[in-house]
Amino acid sequence: LVDRLRSLPMSRSAVLIGRTVSDLVRNIITFFVMLAVSIWPIGFRFEGSIAEAVLATLLLLLFSFALSWVQALMGLSVGSVEAANSAGFIWMFPLTFVSSAFVPPETMPGWLQPIAENNPFTIVTNAGRALYNGNPVGNDAIYSILWSIGIIVVFASLSIRKFNRSTVA
C-alpha cells in the first residue's frame, strides 16, 4: 500500500502527515469520550474557566500529536508490526512513570527528582492540572508548547527522512 501511495503524484511526506493527523483525530474523539464519562457518571468538574479548560485540552492534544511523530519514527525503524507495538511502549513507560503524572517528583529519590521535574510529561501534566483546576500555571504552558513543537520538529524531520529512504520510488 505504501509503495502504491508513493507512486502517486503527491508529497512523499503526505503519508506520514496523514497518519499523524489521523492519530490526532482519534485522540480528539477519545478525549471527548473520556470527558463525557468523567463528567456524567464520575462527577468531574472543571475548577478553572472554560478558556483554561480549552487551553489545557489544546496543550494535551498538541503533546499527543508530538508523540505520534515519535511513534511514527519507531514504526519506521523496526521490522514488523509486533516490534513496532513493543518499541512504541518501551520508551514511553519510563518517561511516564518518571513524571508527575502518578506521584509528585518531591517524593522520588533525590537523584531522580531533577529528571522528573524536567521531563516533558511532567511539564505538560502540571500545566494541564493547573489549567483544569484554575490554579496558576506559571511557565508550564509555554514550556509545554515549546517541548511539543521541539519534539514535532525533530521527530517529523527524522521520520520523513527515514520514510523517504525506506522504499524505492
N, C-alpha and C. Protein backbone atom coordinates (compact mmCIF):
# COMPACT_ATOMS: atom_id res chain seq x y z
N LEU A 1 0.83 -1.19 0.00
CA LEU A 1 0.00 0.00 0.00
C LEU A 1 0.88 1.26 0.00
N VAL A 2 1.92 1.24 0.83
CA VAL A 2 2.79 2.41 0.91
C VAL A 2 3.50 2.64 -0.42
N ASP A 3 3.97 1.55 -1.06
CA ASP A 3 4.60 1.72 -2.37
C ASP A 3 3.62 2.29 -3.39
N ARG A 4 2.36 1.89 -3.31
CA ARG A 4 1.34 2.42 -4.22
C ARG A 4 1.13 3.92 -3.95
N LEU A 5 1.06 4.30 -2.70
CA LEU A 5 0.89 5.71 -2.36
C LEU A 5 2.09 6.53 -2.82
N ARG A 6 3.27 5.95 -2.71
CA ARG A 6 4.48 6.67 -3.12
C ARG A 6 4.54 6.88 -4.62
N SER A 7 3.84 6.03 -5.38
CA SER A 7 3.87 6.18 -6.84
C SER A 7 2.91 7.27 -7.32
N LEU A 8 2.06 7.76 -6.44
CA LEU A 8 1.11 8.81 -6.82
C LEU A 8 1.79 10.18 -6.82
N PRO A 9 1.27 11.11 -7.61
CA PRO A 9 1.86 12.44 -7.67
C PRO A 9 1.47 13.29 -6.45
N MET A 10 2.12 13.00 -5.33
CA MET A 10 1.87 13.76 -4.10
C MET A 10 3.17 13.83 -3.31
N SER A 11 3.18 14.68 -2.34
CA SER A 11 4.35 14.83 -1.49
C SER A 11 4.65 13.52 -0.78
N ARG A 12 5.93 13.19 -0.70
CA ARG A 12 6.31 11.95 -0.02
C ARG A 12 5.97 11.98 1.46
N SER A 13 5.95 13.15 2.03
CA SER A 13 5.64 13.26 3.46
C SER A 13 4.14 13.16 3.75
N ALA A 14 3.30 13.18 2.73
CA ALA A 14 1.85 13.18 2.92
C ALA A 14 1.37 11.93 3.65
N VAL A 15 2.01 10.80 3.41
CA VAL A 15 1.60 9.55 4.07
C VAL A 15 1.79 9.68 5.58
N LEU A 16 2.95 10.16 6.01
CA LEU A 16 3.21 10.30 7.44
C LEU A 16 2.38 11.41 8.06
N ILE A 17 2.22 12.50 7.35
CA ILE A 17 1.39 13.59 7.87
C ILE A 17 -0.05 13.11 8.02
N GLY A 18 -0.55 12.39 7.03
CA GLY A 18 -1.90 11.83 7.11
C GLY A 18 -2.05 10.89 8.28
N ARG A 19 -1.04 10.07 8.49
CA ARG A 19 -1.09 9.11 9.61
C ARG A 19 -1.10 9.83 10.96
N THR A 20 -0.25 10.81 11.13
CA THR A 20 -0.19 11.50 12.42
C THR A 20 -1.43 12.37 12.65
N VAL A 21 -1.97 12.95 11.59
CA VAL A 21 -3.22 13.72 11.74
C VAL A 21 -4.38 12.78 12.09
N SER A 22 -4.39 11.58 11.50
CA SER A 22 -5.43 10.61 11.86
C SER A 22 -5.29 10.20 13.32
N ASP A 23 -4.05 10.09 13.82
CA ASP A 23 -3.85 9.82 15.25
C ASP A 23 -4.43 10.95 16.09
N LEU A 24 -4.21 12.19 15.65
CA LEU A 24 -4.74 13.35 16.36
C LEU A 24 -6.26 13.32 16.40
N VAL A 25 -6.89 12.99 15.27
CA VAL A 25 -8.36 12.92 15.23
C VAL A 25 -8.86 11.83 16.17
N ARG A 26 -8.19 10.68 16.17
CA ARG A 26 -8.57 9.60 17.08
C ARG A 26 -8.40 10.05 18.53
N ASN A 27 -7.33 10.79 18.83
CA ASN A 27 -7.13 11.28 20.20
C ASN A 27 -8.19 12.30 20.61
N ILE A 28 -8.63 13.12 19.67
CA ILE A 28 -9.71 14.08 19.96
C ILE A 28 -11.00 13.33 20.31
N ILE A 29 -11.32 12.33 19.52
CA ILE A 29 -12.53 11.53 19.79
C ILE A 29 -12.41 10.85 21.15
N THR A 30 -11.25 10.25 21.41
CA THR A 30 -11.01 9.59 22.70
C THR A 30 -11.14 10.57 23.85
N PHE A 31 -10.60 11.77 23.69
CA PHE A 31 -10.69 12.78 24.73
C PHE A 31 -12.14 13.09 25.07
N PHE A 32 -12.96 13.30 24.05
CA PHE A 32 -14.35 13.67 24.31
C PHE A 32 -15.16 12.51 24.89
N VAL A 33 -14.84 11.29 24.54
CA VAL A 33 -15.49 10.14 25.17
C VAL A 33 -15.10 10.09 26.65
N MET A 34 -13.79 10.24 26.92
CA MET A 34 -13.34 10.23 28.32
C MET A 34 -13.92 11.40 29.11
N LEU A 35 -14.03 12.55 28.48
CA LEU A 35 -14.62 13.72 29.15
C LEU A 35 -16.08 13.45 29.51
N ALA A 36 -16.83 12.90 28.56
CA ALA A 36 -18.24 12.58 28.82
C ALA A 36 -18.38 11.59 29.97
N VAL A 37 -17.56 10.57 29.98
CA VAL A 37 -17.60 9.57 31.05
C VAL A 37 -17.20 10.20 32.39
N SER A 38 -16.19 11.06 32.37
CA SER A 38 -15.73 11.65 33.63
C SER A 38 -16.74 12.64 34.20
N ILE A 39 -17.44 13.36 33.35
CA ILE A 39 -18.41 14.35 33.82
C ILE A 39 -19.70 13.70 34.27
N TRP A 40 -20.23 12.82 33.44
CA TRP A 40 -21.56 12.28 33.75
C TRP A 40 -21.52 11.24 34.88
N PRO A 41 -20.94 10.07 34.69
CA PRO A 41 -21.02 9.09 35.79
C PRO A 41 -20.07 9.35 36.97
N ILE A 42 -18.93 9.97 36.72
CA ILE A 42 -17.93 10.12 37.78
C ILE A 42 -18.09 11.44 38.52
N GLY A 43 -18.54 12.48 37.84
CA GLY A 43 -18.79 13.76 38.51
C GLY A 43 -17.65 14.75 38.44
N PHE A 44 -16.74 14.58 37.49
CA PHE A 44 -15.64 15.53 37.34
C PHE A 44 -16.18 16.90 36.97
N ARG A 45 -15.58 17.93 37.52
CA ARG A 45 -15.94 19.31 37.19
C ARG A 45 -14.66 20.11 36.98
N PHE A 46 -14.69 21.02 36.00
CA PHE A 46 -13.58 21.94 35.79
C PHE A 46 -13.65 23.01 36.88
N GLU A 47 -12.53 23.24 37.54
CA GLU A 47 -12.47 24.28 38.57
C GLU A 47 -12.04 25.61 37.95
N GLY A 48 -11.36 25.55 36.81
CA GLY A 48 -10.92 26.76 36.12
C GLY A 48 -12.00 27.24 35.16
N SER A 49 -11.66 28.24 34.40
CA SER A 49 -12.61 28.79 33.42
C SER A 49 -12.68 27.88 32.19
N ILE A 50 -13.65 28.15 31.35
CA ILE A 50 -13.78 27.41 30.10
C ILE A 50 -12.55 27.65 29.22
N ALA A 51 -12.07 28.88 29.20
CA ALA A 51 -10.88 29.19 28.40
C ALA A 51 -9.67 28.40 28.89
N GLU A 52 -9.52 28.28 30.22
CA GLU A 52 -8.41 27.49 30.76
C GLU A 52 -8.56 26.02 30.42
N ALA A 53 -9.78 25.51 30.46
CA ALA A 53 -10.02 24.11 30.11
C ALA A 53 -9.72 23.86 28.63
N VAL A 54 -10.11 24.79 27.79
CA VAL A 54 -9.82 24.66 26.35
C VAL A 54 -8.31 24.70 26.12
N LEU A 55 -7.61 25.61 26.79
CA LEU A 55 -6.16 25.70 26.64
C LEU A 55 -5.48 24.42 27.12
N ALA A 56 -5.92 23.88 28.26
CA ALA A 56 -5.35 22.63 28.77
C ALA A 56 -5.57 21.50 27.77
N THR A 57 -6.76 21.43 27.21
CA THR A 57 -7.07 20.39 26.23
C THR A 57 -6.20 20.54 24.99
N LEU A 58 -6.03 21.77 24.52
CA LEU A 58 -5.19 22.00 23.35
C LEU A 58 -3.73 21.64 23.62
N LEU A 59 -3.25 21.92 24.83
CA LEU A 59 -1.88 21.54 25.20
C LEU A 59 -1.72 20.01 25.17
N LEU A 60 -2.69 19.32 25.72
CA LEU A 60 -2.63 17.86 25.73
C LEU A 60 -2.70 17.28 24.32
N LEU A 61 -3.54 17.84 23.49
CA LEU A 61 -3.65 17.34 22.12
C LEU A 61 -2.39 17.66 21.31
N LEU A 62 -1.81 18.82 21.53
CA LEU A 62 -0.56 19.15 20.85
C LEU A 62 0.54 18.17 21.26
N PHE A 63 0.61 17.86 22.54
CA PHE A 63 1.62 16.92 23.03
C PHE A 63 1.36 15.52 22.47
N SER A 64 0.10 15.13 22.38
CA SER A 64 -0.20 13.81 21.81
C SER A 64 0.18 13.76 20.33
N PHE A 65 0.00 14.88 19.63
CA PHE A 65 0.42 14.95 18.23
C PHE A 65 1.93 14.82 18.11
N ALA A 66 2.65 15.48 19.03
CA ALA A 66 4.11 15.37 19.03
C ALA A 66 4.54 13.93 19.26
N LEU A 67 3.89 13.26 20.20
CA LEU A 67 4.25 11.87 20.48
C LEU A 67 3.92 10.94 19.33
N SER A 68 2.93 11.31 18.52
CA SER A 68 2.62 10.47 17.35
C SER A 68 3.76 10.49 16.34
N TRP A 69 4.52 11.58 16.31
CA TRP A 69 5.70 11.63 15.43
C TRP A 69 6.82 10.74 15.97
N VAL A 70 6.94 10.67 17.29
CA VAL A 70 7.92 9.74 17.88
C VAL A 70 7.53 8.32 17.51
N GLN A 71 6.24 8.02 17.63
CA GLN A 71 5.75 6.68 17.30
C GLN A 71 5.94 6.38 15.80
N ALA A 72 5.78 7.37 14.96
CA ALA A 72 5.99 7.17 13.52
C ALA A 72 7.43 6.75 13.24
N LEU A 73 8.37 7.42 13.89
CA LEU A 73 9.78 7.06 13.72
C LEU A 73 10.04 5.65 14.25
N MET A 74 9.46 5.32 15.38
CA MET A 74 9.62 3.97 15.92
C MET A 74 9.08 2.93 14.95
N GLY A 75 7.92 3.19 14.40
CA GLY A 75 7.31 2.26 13.45
C GLY A 75 8.14 2.07 12.20
N LEU A 76 8.77 3.14 11.75
CA LEU A 76 9.62 3.06 10.56
C LEU A 76 10.96 2.39 10.84
N SER A 77 11.35 2.35 12.10
CA SER A 77 12.67 1.84 12.47
C SER A 77 12.71 0.35 12.76
N VAL A 78 11.57 -0.27 12.91
CA VAL A 78 11.54 -1.69 13.25
C VAL A 78 11.01 -2.50 12.06
N GLY A 79 11.15 -3.81 12.16
CA GLY A 79 10.84 -4.65 11.01
C GLY A 79 9.44 -5.23 10.94
N SER A 80 8.67 -5.19 12.02
CA SER A 80 7.35 -5.83 11.99
C SER A 80 6.36 -5.02 12.82
N VAL A 81 5.08 -5.36 12.66
CA VAL A 81 4.03 -4.69 13.42
C VAL A 81 4.18 -4.98 14.91
N GLU A 82 4.52 -6.23 15.24
CA GLU A 82 4.70 -6.61 16.65
C GLU A 82 5.84 -5.82 17.28
N ALA A 83 6.93 -5.69 16.55
CA ALA A 83 8.07 -4.93 17.06
C ALA A 83 7.72 -3.46 17.21
N ALA A 84 6.95 -2.93 16.29
CA ALA A 84 6.55 -1.52 16.38
C ALA A 84 5.69 -1.29 17.61
N ASN A 85 4.81 -2.23 17.91
CA ASN A 85 3.95 -2.11 19.09
C ASN A 85 4.79 -2.12 20.36
N SER A 86 5.75 -3.02 20.43
CA SER A 86 6.62 -3.09 21.61
C SER A 86 7.51 -1.86 21.71
N ALA A 87 8.11 -1.46 20.61
CA ALA A 87 9.03 -0.31 20.62
C ALA A 87 8.31 0.97 21.01
N GLY A 88 7.05 1.06 20.67
CA GLY A 88 6.28 2.26 20.99
C GLY A 88 6.07 2.46 22.47
N PHE A 89 6.06 1.36 23.23
CA PHE A 89 5.82 1.47 24.66
C PHE A 89 7.10 1.44 25.49
N ILE A 90 8.16 0.90 24.96
CA ILE A 90 9.40 0.76 25.71
C ILE A 90 9.93 2.11 26.19
N TRP A 91 9.90 3.12 25.37
CA TRP A 91 10.42 4.43 25.75
C TRP A 91 9.38 5.24 26.52
N MET A 92 8.07 4.97 26.27
CA MET A 92 7.03 5.81 26.86
C MET A 92 6.80 5.50 28.34
N PHE A 93 6.85 4.23 28.71
CA PHE A 93 6.59 3.87 30.10
C PHE A 93 7.57 4.52 31.07
N PRO A 94 8.89 4.43 30.86
CA PRO A 94 9.78 5.08 31.82
C PRO A 94 9.56 6.59 31.92
N LEU A 95 9.34 7.24 30.78
CA LEU A 95 9.12 8.69 30.83
C LEU A 95 7.84 9.05 31.57
N THR A 96 6.81 8.23 31.39
CA THR A 96 5.54 8.49 32.07
C THR A 96 5.68 8.27 33.57
N PHE A 97 6.32 7.16 33.95
CA PHE A 97 6.43 6.85 35.37
C PHE A 97 7.42 7.76 36.10
N VAL A 98 8.39 8.31 35.39
CA VAL A 98 9.32 9.27 35.99
C VAL A 98 8.83 10.67 35.65
N SER A 99 7.59 10.93 36.03
CA SER A 99 6.98 12.24 35.81
C SER A 99 5.99 12.47 36.95
N SER A 100 5.36 13.61 36.94
CA SER A 100 4.38 13.92 37.98
C SER A 100 3.00 13.37 37.66
N ALA A 101 2.90 12.55 36.63
CA ALA A 101 1.60 12.00 36.25
C ALA A 101 1.01 11.12 37.35
N PHE A 102 1.87 10.40 38.07
CA PHE A 102 1.38 9.48 39.10
C PHE A 102 1.77 9.88 40.52
N VAL A 103 2.97 10.40 40.70
CA VAL A 103 3.42 10.81 42.03
C VAL A 103 4.18 12.13 41.91
N PRO A 104 4.15 12.94 42.96
CA PRO A 104 4.92 14.19 42.92
C PRO A 104 6.42 13.90 42.86
N PRO A 105 7.16 14.63 42.03
CA PRO A 105 8.61 14.42 41.96
C PRO A 105 9.31 14.58 43.31
N GLU A 106 8.74 15.39 44.22
CA GLU A 106 9.35 15.59 45.53
C GLU A 106 9.44 14.29 46.33
N THR A 107 8.58 13.32 46.03
CA THR A 107 8.59 12.05 46.76
C THR A 107 9.54 11.02 46.14
N MET A 108 10.16 11.38 45.04
CA MET A 108 11.10 10.48 44.37
C MET A 108 12.48 10.61 44.99
N PRO A 109 13.35 9.61 44.77
CA PRO A 109 14.73 9.73 45.27
C PRO A 109 15.39 11.00 44.74
N GLY A 110 16.30 11.55 45.53
CA GLY A 110 16.95 12.82 45.19
C GLY A 110 17.57 12.86 43.81
N TRP A 111 18.22 11.80 43.37
CA TRP A 111 18.87 11.78 42.06
C TRP A 111 17.85 11.76 40.92
N LEU A 112 16.61 11.30 41.22
CA LEU A 112 15.59 11.19 40.18
C LEU A 112 14.74 12.45 40.05
N GLN A 113 14.72 13.27 41.08
CA GLN A 113 13.87 14.46 41.08
C GLN A 113 14.16 15.43 39.94
N PRO A 114 15.43 15.78 39.64
CA PRO A 114 15.67 16.71 38.52
C PRO A 114 15.23 16.13 37.18
N ILE A 115 15.37 14.84 37.03
CA ILE A 115 14.93 14.20 35.78
C ILE A 115 13.42 14.31 35.66
N ALA A 116 12.73 13.98 36.77
CA ALA A 116 11.27 14.03 36.76
C ALA A 116 10.74 15.45 36.56
N GLU A 117 11.39 16.42 37.19
CA GLU A 117 10.91 17.80 37.11
C GLU A 117 11.11 18.40 35.72
N ASN A 118 12.09 17.92 34.97
CA ASN A 118 12.35 18.46 33.63
C ASN A 118 11.83 17.56 32.52
N ASN A 119 11.14 16.53 32.88
CA ASN A 119 10.55 15.59 31.93
C ASN A 119 9.38 16.29 31.22
N PRO A 120 9.29 16.20 29.90
CA PRO A 120 8.16 16.86 29.21
C PRO A 120 6.80 16.35 29.67
N PHE A 121 6.71 15.08 30.09
CA PHE A 121 5.44 14.57 30.60
C PHE A 121 5.04 15.31 31.88
N THR A 122 6.00 15.61 32.74
CA THR A 122 5.73 16.36 33.97
C THR A 122 5.25 17.76 33.63
N ILE A 123 5.93 18.41 32.73
CA ILE A 123 5.59 19.80 32.40
C ILE A 123 4.19 19.89 31.81
N VAL A 124 3.86 19.00 30.89
CA VAL A 124 2.52 19.00 30.28
C VAL A 124 1.46 18.61 31.32
N THR A 125 1.77 17.62 32.13
CA THR A 125 0.82 17.20 33.18
C THR A 125 0.56 18.34 34.16
N ASN A 126 1.61 18.99 34.61
CA ASN A 126 1.45 20.11 35.55
C ASN A 126 0.65 21.25 34.93
N ALA A 127 0.93 21.57 33.68
CA ALA A 127 0.18 22.64 33.01
C ALA A 127 -1.29 22.28 32.88
N GLY A 128 -1.57 21.06 32.46
CA GLY A 128 -2.96 20.62 32.33
C GLY A 128 -3.70 20.65 33.65
N ARG A 129 -3.07 20.12 34.69
CA ARG A 129 -3.71 20.11 36.02
C ARG A 129 -3.99 21.53 36.50
N ALA A 130 -3.00 22.40 36.36
CA ALA A 130 -3.18 23.77 36.83
C ALA A 130 -4.33 24.45 36.08
N LEU A 131 -4.35 24.30 34.78
CA LEU A 131 -5.40 24.96 33.99
C LEU A 131 -6.78 24.37 34.27
N TYR A 132 -6.88 23.05 34.33
CA TYR A 132 -8.19 22.44 34.60
C TYR A 132 -8.69 22.80 36.01
N ASN A 133 -7.76 22.98 36.95
CA ASN A 133 -8.16 23.27 38.33
C ASN A 133 -8.21 24.75 38.65
N GLY A 134 -7.90 25.60 37.69
CA GLY A 134 -7.96 27.04 37.91
C GLY A 134 -6.83 27.57 38.77
N ASN A 135 -5.72 26.85 38.80
CA ASN A 135 -4.55 27.27 39.57
C ASN A 135 -3.57 28.01 38.67
N PRO A 136 -2.65 28.78 39.26
CA PRO A 136 -1.63 29.45 38.43
C PRO A 136 -0.80 28.42 37.68
N VAL A 137 -0.59 28.65 36.40
CA VAL A 137 0.14 27.69 35.56
C VAL A 137 1.62 28.04 35.44
N GLY A 138 1.97 29.27 35.76
CA GLY A 138 3.36 29.68 35.64
C GLY A 138 3.85 29.55 34.20
N ASN A 139 5.08 29.08 34.03
CA ASN A 139 5.66 28.92 32.70
C ASN A 139 5.39 27.55 32.08
N ASP A 140 4.69 26.69 32.82
CA ASP A 140 4.48 25.32 32.32
C ASP A 140 3.72 25.28 30.99
N ALA A 141 2.79 26.19 30.77
CA ALA A 141 2.05 26.20 29.50
C ALA A 141 2.99 26.53 28.33
N ILE A 142 3.82 27.52 28.52
CA ILE A 142 4.78 27.90 27.47
C ILE A 142 5.77 26.77 27.24
N TYR A 143 6.29 26.20 28.33
CA TYR A 143 7.25 25.10 28.19
C TYR A 143 6.61 23.88 27.54
N SER A 144 5.32 23.65 27.80
CA SER A 144 4.61 22.54 27.15
C SER A 144 4.56 22.74 25.64
N ILE A 145 4.26 23.96 25.25
CA ILE A 145 4.20 24.28 23.82
C ILE A 145 5.59 24.12 23.20
N LEU A 146 6.60 24.65 23.87
CA LEU A 146 7.97 24.54 23.34
C LEU A 146 8.43 23.09 23.24
N TRP A 147 8.17 22.29 24.27
CA TRP A 147 8.53 20.87 24.21
C TRP A 147 7.81 20.19 23.04
N SER A 148 6.52 20.45 22.91
CA SER A 148 5.74 19.81 21.84
C SER A 148 6.25 20.20 20.46
N ILE A 149 6.48 21.48 20.26
CA ILE A 149 6.98 21.93 18.95
C ILE A 149 8.37 21.36 18.69
N GLY A 150 9.22 21.35 19.70
CA GLY A 150 10.55 20.77 19.53
C GLY A 150 10.50 19.30 19.16
N ILE A 151 9.65 18.53 19.84
CA ILE A 151 9.50 17.11 19.52
C ILE A 151 8.97 16.93 18.11
N ILE A 152 7.99 17.74 17.72
CA ILE A 152 7.43 17.64 16.37
C ILE A 152 8.51 17.93 15.33
N VAL A 153 9.24 19.02 15.51
CA VAL A 153 10.27 19.40 14.52
C VAL A 153 11.31 18.29 14.38
N VAL A 154 11.83 17.81 15.50
CA VAL A 154 12.88 16.80 15.45
C VAL A 154 12.36 15.49 14.88
N PHE A 155 11.27 14.96 15.43
CA PHE A 155 10.82 13.64 15.04
C PHE A 155 10.08 13.62 13.70
N ALA A 156 9.43 14.71 13.32
CA ALA A 156 8.84 14.77 11.98
C ALA A 156 9.94 14.78 10.93
N SER A 157 10.98 15.55 11.19
CA SER A 157 12.11 15.58 10.24
C SER A 157 12.76 14.21 10.11
N LEU A 158 13.03 13.58 11.24
CA LEU A 158 13.66 12.25 11.22
C LEU A 158 12.75 11.21 10.56
N SER A 159 11.47 11.28 10.87
CA SER A 159 10.51 10.31 10.31
C SER A 159 10.38 10.46 8.80
N ILE A 160 10.23 11.68 8.35
CA ILE A 160 10.08 11.92 6.91
C ILE A 160 11.35 11.53 6.17
N ARG A 161 12.49 11.85 6.75
CA ARG A 161 13.76 11.47 6.13
C ARG A 161 13.89 9.95 6.05
N LYS A 162 13.56 9.25 7.13
CA LYS A 162 13.63 7.79 7.15
C LYS A 162 12.63 7.19 6.16
N PHE A 163 11.43 7.75 6.10
CA PHE A 163 10.41 7.25 5.18
C PHE A 163 10.86 7.43 3.73
N ASN A 164 11.44 8.56 3.41
CA ASN A 164 11.90 8.81 2.05
C ASN A 164 13.02 7.87 1.62
N ARG A 165 13.80 7.41 2.57
CA ARG A 165 14.89 6.50 2.27
C ARG A 165 14.51 5.02 2.37
N SER A 166 13.32 4.73 2.90
CA SER A 166 12.99 3.35 3.23
C SER A 166 12.57 2.49 2.05
N THR A 167 11.90 3.05 1.07
CA THR A 167 11.45 2.27 -0.08
C THR A 167 11.86 2.99 -1.35
N VAL A 168 11.94 2.23 -2.40
CA VAL A 168 12.34 2.80 -3.70
C VAL A 168 11.11 3.32 -4.40
N ALA A 169 11.16 4.52 -4.89
CA ALA A 169 10.02 5.12 -5.60
C ALA A 169 9.88 4.55 -6.99
